[in-house]
Amino acid sequence: MNQSRRNMLKLGGIALAAIPVVAFAAKNDAMRSSMKYKDSPEGEKNCSNCLQFVPGKTAADLGGCKLFPGDTEVSPKGYCVAWSKKA
């Protein structure tokens, strides 16, 4: 197998692996938009005290949200209309 064919196969494999990531990103953008997500709190309501929030390594780090699968760029100071107070 020549070098250019190997490179093409490597790039093809990388491209195929990236498809689900791009699909999640597009899905999450639509979900963020429909949930009116923003990086700032709404009064006392913020992601860090929401039932759906999955915290990052520290309290100040970006985390995730159960409503945005695979998304790890949710601000603990953010807010969306799906906010539900932690018990």
C-alpha atoms as a PDB file:
ATOM      1  CA  MET A   1       0.000   0.000   0.000  1.00  0.00           C
ATOM      2  CA  ASN A   2       1.472   3.356  -0.904  1.00  0.00           C
ATOM      3  CA  GLN A   3       1.812   6.318   1.470  1.00  0.00           C
ATOM      4  CA  SER A   4      -0.960   8.434  -0.072  1.00  0.00           C
ATOM      5  CA  ARG A   5      -3.495   5.619   0.264  1.00  0.00           C
ATOM      6  CA  ARG A   6      -2.553   5.161   3.933  1.00  0.00           C
ATOM      7  CA  ASN A   7      -2.995   8.870   4.561  1.00  0.00           C
ATOM      8  CA  MET A   8      -6.368   8.826   2.822  1.00  0.00           C
ATOM      9  CA  LEU A   9      -7.526   5.883   4.954  1.00  0.00           C
ATOM     10  CA  LYS A  10      -6.341   7.595   8.151  1.00  0.00           C
ATOM     11  CA  LEU A  11      -8.164  10.802   7.263  1.00  0.00           C
ATOM     12  CA  GLY A  12     -11.266   8.836   6.307  1.00  0.00           C
ATOM     13  CA  GLY A  13     -11.242   7.080   9.666  1.00  0.00           C
ATOM     14  CA  ILE A  14     -10.840  10.367  11.510  1.00  0.00           C
ATOM     15  CA  ALA A  15     -13.688  11.889   9.510  1.00  0.00           C
ATOM     16  CA  LEU A  16     -15.982   8.968  10.296  1.00  0.00           C
ATOM     17  CA  ALA A  17     -15.131   9.214  13.982  1.00  0.00           C
ATOM     18  CA  ALA A  18     -15.968  12.939  13.962  1.00  0.00           C
ATOM     19  CA  ILE A  19     -19.474  12.517  12.539  1.00  0.00           C
ATOM     20  CA  PRO A  20     -21.154  11.631  15.875  1.00  0.00           C
ATOM     21  CA  VAL A  21     -19.374  14.538  17.585  1.00  0.00           C
ATOM     22  CA  VAL A  22     -20.632  16.974  14.962  1.00  0.00           C
ATOM     23  CA  ALA A  23     -24.133  15.477  15.205  1.00  0.00           C
ATOM     24  CA  PHE A  24     -24.145  15.903  19.019  1.00  0.00           C
ATOM     25  CA  ALA A  25     -22.933  19.488  18.668  1.00  0.00           C
ATOM     26  CA  ALA A  26     -25.706  20.337  16.210  1.00  0.00           C
ATOM     27  CA  LYS A  27     -28.303  18.600  18.375  1.00  0.00           C
ATOM     28  CA  ASN A  28     -27.064  20.413  21.482  1.00  0.00           C
ATOM     29  CA  ASP A  29     -27.067  23.790  19.704  1.00  0.00           C
ATOM     30  CA  ALA A  30     -30.714  23.245  18.817  1.00  0.00           C
ATOM     31  CA  MET A  31     -31.510  22.084  22.355  1.00  0.00           C
ATOM     32  CA  ARG A  32     -29.641  25.031  23.914  1.00  0.00           C
ATOM     33  CA  SER A  33     -31.573  27.386  21.674  1.00  0.00           C
ATOM     34  CA  SER A  34     -34.957  25.814  22.422  1.00  0.00           C
ATOM     35  CA  MET A  35     -34.182  25.866  26.170  1.00  0.00           C
ATOM     36  CA  LYS A  36     -33.038  29.506  25.900  1.00  0.00           C
ATOM     37  CA  TYR A  37     -29.691  28.639  27.522  1.00  0.00           C
ATOM     38  CA  LYS A  38     -27.465  31.568  28.441  1.00  0.00           C
ATOM     39  CA  ASP A  39     -24.138  31.818  30.288  1.00  0.00           C
ATOM     40  CA  SER A  40     -25.528  34.133  32.963  1.00  0.00           C
ATOM     41  CA  PRO A  41     -27.901  33.391  35.870  1.00  0.00           C
ATOM     42  CA  GLU A  42     -31.536  34.380  36.114  1.00  0.00           C
ATOM     43  CA  GLY A  43     -31.652  35.820  39.619  1.00  0.00           C
ATOM     44  CA  GLU A  44     -30.885  32.996  42.057  1.00  0.00           C
ATOM     45  CA  LYS A  45     -31.515  30.380  39.350  1.00  0.00           C
ATOM     46  CA  ASN A  46     -28.297  29.036  37.821  1.00  0.00           C
ATOM     47  CA  CYS A  47     -26.959  25.747  36.527  1.00  0.00           C
ATOM     48  CA  SER A  48     -24.916  25.018  39.657  1.00  0.00           C
ATOM     49  CA  ASN A  49     -28.121  24.716  41.726  1.00  0.00           C
ATOM     50  CA  CYS A  50     -30.125  22.911  39.024  1.00  0.00           C
ATOM     51  CA  LEU A  51     -31.098  19.256  39.203  1.00  0.00           C
ATOM     52  CA  GLN A  52     -29.973  18.699  35.577  1.00  0.00           C
ATOM     53  CA  PHE A  53     -26.422  20.087  36.002  1.00  0.00           C
ATOM     54  CA  VAL A  54     -23.430  17.729  36.044  1.00  0.00           C
ATOM     55  CA  PRO A  55     -20.578  19.639  37.754  1.00  0.00           C
ATOM     56  CA  GLY A  56     -17.050  19.879  36.383  1.00  0.00           C
ATOM     57  CA  LYS A  57     -13.930  18.962  38.386  1.00  0.00           C
ATOM     58  CA  THR A  58     -14.244  22.072  40.552  1.00  0.00           C
ATOM     59  CA  ALA A  59     -17.211  24.306  41.354  1.00  0.00           C
ATOM     60  CA  ALA A  60     -15.947  26.990  38.942  1.00  0.00           C
ATOM     61  CA  ASP A  61     -15.219  24.590  36.037  1.00  0.00           C
ATOM     62  CA  LEU A  62     -17.578  24.098  33.126  1.00  0.00           C
ATOM     63  CA  GLY A  63     -19.777  21.054  33.524  1.00  0.00           C
ATOM     64  CA  GLY A  64     -22.445  19.201  31.632  1.00  0.00           C
ATOM     65  CA  CYS A  65     -26.203  18.984  31.560  1.00  0.00           C
ATOM     66  CA  LYS A  66     -28.432  15.931  31.427  1.00  0.00           C
ATOM     67  CA  LEU A  67     -30.467  17.709  28.739  1.00  0.00           C
ATOM     68  CA  PHE A  68     -27.428  18.312  26.499  1.00  0.00           C
ATOM     69  CA  PRO A  69     -25.818  14.851  26.074  1.00  0.00           C
ATOM     70  CA  GLY A  70     -22.077  14.936  25.504  1.00  0.00           C
ATOM     71  CA  ASP A  71     -21.886  18.697  26.104  1.00  0.00           C
ATOM     72  CA  THR A  72     -19.174  19.620  28.605  1.00  0.00           C
ATOM     73  CA  GLU A  73     -19.316  23.374  28.121  1.00  0.00           C
ATOM     74  CA  VAL A  74     -22.182  24.311  30.418  1.00  0.00           C
ATOM     75  CA  SER A  75     -21.381  27.192  32.754  1.00  0.00           C
ATOM     76  CA  PRO A  76     -22.232  26.681  36.442  1.00  0.00           C
ATOM     77  CA  LYS A  77     -23.431  30.303  36.287  1.00  0.00           C
ATOM     78  CA  GLY A  78     -25.639  29.623  33.255  1.00  0.00           C
ATOM     79  CA  TYR A  79     -29.412  29.286  33.099  1.00  0.00           C
ATOM     80  CA  CYS A  80     -32.127  27.834  30.873  1.00  0.00           C
ATOM     81  CA  VAL A  81     -35.900  27.496  31.077  1.00  0.00           C
ATOM     82  CA  ALA A  82     -35.600  23.832  32.144  1.00  0.00           C
ATOM     83  CA  TRP A  83     -34.038  24.917  35.456  1.00  0.00           C
ATOM     84  CA  SER A  84     -35.248  22.810  38.368  1.00  0.00           C
ATOM     85  CA  LYS A  85     -34.012  23.398  41.921  1.00  0.00           C
ATOM     86  CA  LYS A  86     -31.835  20.683  43.456  1.00  0.00           C
ATOM     87  CA  ALA A  87     -33.392  19.094  46.515  1.00  0.00           C
END
